[in-house]
Protein backbone atom coordinates (compact mmCIF):
# COMPACT_ATOMS: atom_id res chain seq x y z
CA UNK A 1 34.16 57.07 -17.27
CA UNK A 2 32.44 54.88 -14.74
CA UNK A 3 32.82 51.15 -14.98
CA UNK A 4 29.54 49.22 -15.40
CA UNK A 5 28.76 46.50 -12.89
CA UNK A 6 27.50 43.19 -14.30
CA UNK A 7 23.99 42.23 -13.26
CA UNK A 8 23.86 39.93 -10.27
CA UNK A 9 21.70 36.79 -10.57
CA UNK A 10 18.72 36.74 -8.24
CA UNK A 11 19.44 35.31 -4.83
CA UNK A 12 18.13 31.75 -4.29
CA UNK A 13 16.19 31.28 -1.07
CA UNK A 14 17.06 27.90 0.38
CA UNK A 15 14.20 27.70 2.86
CA UNK A 16 11.67 27.47 0.06
CA UNK A 17 10.67 24.13 -1.34
CA UNK A 18 11.72 24.06 -4.99
CA UNK A 19 10.26 20.67 -5.96
CA UNK A 20 6.55 20.53 -6.71
CA UNK A 21 4.18 18.84 -4.31
CA UNK A 22 2.78 16.21 -6.63
CA UNK A 23 2.02 12.53 -6.23
CA UNK A 24 4.25 11.45 -9.12
CA UNK A 25 5.05 11.28 -12.81
CA UNK A 26 6.79 8.80 -15.11
CA UNK A 27 9.94 7.52 -13.41
CA UNK A 28 8.92 8.40 -9.84
CA UNK A 29 9.72 5.74 -7.22
CA UNK A 30 8.05 5.75 -3.80
CA UNK A 31 8.78 3.41 -0.89
CA UNK A 32 6.05 3.16 1.72
CA UNK A 33 5.25 1.83 5.15
CA UNK A 34 1.72 1.09 6.24
CA UNK A 35 -0.36 -1.01 8.50
CA UNK A 36 -3.72 -1.82 9.92
CA UNK A 37 -5.46 -3.19 12.99
CA UNK A 38 -8.66 -5.22 13.06
CA UNK A 39 -10.67 -7.31 15.46
CA UNK A 40 -13.71 -9.43 14.71
CA UNK A 41 -16.41 -9.70 17.33
CA UNK A 42 -18.51 -12.69 18.30
CA UNK A 43 -21.04 -13.47 21.02
CA UNK A 44 -19.44 -16.93 21.34
CA UNK A 45 -15.74 -16.17 21.77
CA UNK A 46 -13.16 -13.45 22.32
CA UNK A 47 -11.48 -12.91 18.95
CA UNK A 48 -7.83 -11.88 18.74
CA UNK A 49 -6.63 -8.41 17.75
CA UNK A 50 -5.01 -8.74 14.31
CA UNK A 51 -2.27 -6.41 13.08
CA UNK A 52 -0.56 -6.03 9.73
CA UNK A 53 2.64 -4.17 8.86
CA UNK A 54 3.50 -3.59 5.20
CA UNK A 55 6.41 -2.22 3.18
CA UNK A 56 5.65 -1.40 -0.44
CA UNK A 57 7.21 0.14 -3.51
CA UNK A 58 5.42 1.90 -6.34
CA UNK A 59 7.03 2.95 -9.59
CA UNK A 60 5.31 5.23 -12.10
CA UNK A 61 5.74 3.50 -15.47
CA UNK A 62 3.79 6.30 -17.19
CA UNK A 63 2.27 9.46 -15.75
CA UNK A 64 -0.78 7.44 -14.61
CA UNK A 65 0.15 3.73 -14.57
CA UNK A 66 2.09 2.37 -11.59
CA UNK A 67 3.75 -0.98 -10.88
CA UNK A 68 3.18 -1.98 -7.25
CA UNK A 69 4.85 -4.62 -5.05
CA UNK A 70 4.27 -5.10 -1.31
CA UNK A 71 5.42 -7.41 1.46
CA UNK A 72 3.10 -7.62 4.47
CA UNK A 73 3.38 -9.49 7.73
CA UNK A 74 0.50 -10.06 10.09
CA UNK A 75 0.02 -11.40 13.56
CA UNK A 76 -2.52 -11.76 16.34
CA UNK A 77 -2.61 -10.94 20.02
CA UNK A 78 -5.09 -12.10 22.65
CA UNK A 79 -8.35 -13.89 22.08
CA UNK A 80 -9.53 -17.38 22.97
CA UNK A 81 -7.33 -20.33 22.01
CA UNK A 82 -9.97 -21.99 19.83
CA UNK A 83 -10.30 -18.90 17.57
CA UNK A 84 -6.65 -18.96 16.46
CA UNK A 85 -6.33 -20.23 12.90
CA UNK A 86 -2.86 -21.82 12.43
CA UNK A 87 -2.90 -22.10 8.60
CA UNK A 88 -4.91 -20.95 5.61
CA UNK A 89 -6.67 -17.72 4.77
CA UNK A 90 -6.86 -15.31 7.67
CA UNK A 91 -3.96 -16.88 9.57
CA UNK A 92 -1.13 -14.61 10.73
CA UNK A 93 1.39 -14.89 7.90
CA UNK A 94 3.83 -13.22 5.53
CA UNK A 95 2.21 -12.18 2.22
CA UNK A 96 3.50 -10.89 -1.13
CA UNK A 97 1.34 -8.71 -3.39
CA UNK A 98 2.19 -7.73 -6.97
CA UNK A 99 -0.01 -5.63 -9.22
CA UNK A 100 -0.72 -2.36 -10.92
CA UNK A 101 -2.41 0.91 -9.99
CA UNK A 102 -3.92 3.74 -11.99
CA UNK A 103 -3.66 7.25 -10.48
CA UNK A 104 -6.37 9.61 -11.73
CA UNK A 105 -4.58 12.96 -11.05
CA UNK A 106 -0.94 12.17 -10.23
CA UNK A 107 0.40 15.66 -11.00
CA UNK A 108 -1.67 17.21 -8.22
CA UNK A 109 -1.40 17.17 -4.42
CA UNK A 110 -4.23 14.60 -4.05
CA UNK A 111 -5.00 11.66 -6.25
CA UNK A 112 -7.51 8.86 -6.15
CA UNK A 113 -6.17 5.56 -7.44
CA UNK A 114 -7.51 2.16 -8.29
CA UNK A 115 -5.94 -1.09 -9.32
CA UNK A 116 -5.64 -4.80 -8.96
CA UNK A 117 -3.12 -7.25 -7.60
CA UNK A 118 -2.33 -10.88 -7.07
CA UNK A 119 -1.58 -11.72 -3.44
CA UNK A 120 -0.01 -14.93 -2.20
CA UNK A 121 0.53 -16.17 1.31
CA UNK A 122 4.20 -17.12 1.75
CA UNK A 123 3.88 -18.73 5.21
CA UNK A 124 1.05 -20.59 7.00
CA UNK A 125 -0.45 -21.46 3.61
CA UNK A 126 -3.44 -23.82 3.36
CA UNK A 127 -3.38 -27.01 1.28
CA UNK A 128 -5.36 -25.84 -1.76
CA UNK A 129 -4.61 -22.11 -1.52
CA UNK A 130 -3.25 -20.49 -4.65
CA UNK A 131 -3.39 -16.85 -3.54
CA UNK A 132 -6.04 -14.23 -4.10
CA UNK A 133 -7.05 -11.53 -6.54
CA UNK A 134 -7.53 -8.12 -4.90
CA UNK A 135 -9.14 -4.92 -6.24
CA UNK A 136 -7.91 -1.69 -4.58
CA UNK A 137 -9.21 1.84 -4.18
CA UNK A 138 -7.13 4.50 -2.46
CA UNK A 139 -6.30 8.13 -1.93
CA UNK A 140 -2.78 9.53 -1.74
CA UNK A 141 -2.02 13.07 -0.56
CA UNK A 142 1.33 14.86 -0.82
CA UNK A 143 2.49 16.08 2.59
CA UNK A 144 5.65 17.60 1.10
CA UNK A 145 7.69 17.15 -2.06
CA UNK A 146 9.17 13.95 -0.57
CA UNK A 147 6.39 12.39 1.56
CA UNK A 148 2.80 11.38 0.96
CA UNK A 149 0.06 9.93 3.14
CA UNK A 150 -2.12 7.14 1.73
CA UNK A 151 -5.28 5.37 2.77
CA UNK A 152 -6.36 2.30 0.86
CA UNK A 153 -9.10 -0.28 0.86
CA UNK A 154 -9.61 -3.43 -1.13
CA UNK A 155 -11.78 -6.45 -1.71
CA UNK A 156 -10.45 -9.82 -2.76
CA UNK A 157 -11.38 -13.40 -3.37
CA UNK A 158 -9.29 -16.53 -2.97
CA UNK A 159 -8.05 -18.65 -5.84
CA UNK A 160 -7.96 -22.39 -5.11
CA UNK A 161 -6.37 -25.37 -6.80
CA UNK A 162 -8.91 -28.02 -7.72
CA UNK A 163 -12.67 -27.69 -7.50
CA UNK A 164 -13.10 -28.39 -3.77
CA UNK A 165 -13.19 -25.85 -1.00
CA UNK A 166 -15.18 -22.88 0.15
CA UNK A 167 -15.05 -19.44 -1.46
CA UNK A 168 -12.86 -17.16 0.66
CA UNK A 169 -13.26 -13.39 0.38
CA UNK A 170 -11.42 -10.62 2.19
CA UNK A 171 -11.71 -6.93 2.91
CA UNK A 172 -8.47 -5.00 3.28
CA UNK A 173 -7.85 -1.55 4.69
CA UNK A 174 -4.67 0.28 5.59
CA UNK A 175 -3.10 3.64 6.31
CA UNK A 176 0.52 4.59 5.70
CA UNK A 177 3.13 6.96 4.37
CA UNK A 178 5.25 6.78 1.20
CA UNK A 179 8.58 8.53 0.61
CA UNK A 180 9.76 9.64 -2.82
CA UNK A 181 13.23 8.53 -3.91
CA UNK A 182 13.17 9.64 -7.57
């Protein structure tokens, strides 16, 4: 009588990606790096080239709602001396942003997102400045199961202490990559 051989489990192919390519789900943590360049133009003066570098973290609290925190540093290079703004809004500084995002289709490879945040300038702050409120709109695309590319834009307005002072608004844009840790 011939002895029966037990069935062998199917062979696992290691070169295949086994995790899904999705933006995220509840519990997902992504750490990102981004930045932007901008230069204003004037017929009166040579404006400096401004640069911003940001590190951020997003954590999916639910499948759609995300807590977001970011630390951004900015600087300037070139330009005329009289166009450099040493303090206040628009000055090269270190900024902290805390807020929330809502991803429309987080379990897919691409997702639009929107949200809001409070941003405060940690250095080079003006006298009456109390930060700003920023509304964001972005797109995040999964490059792999562990990395995603994002592009984001936003519009904000400054919050001031007291009733004096001009209204300060800002337009924000950046490009970066986020890496999944959970």
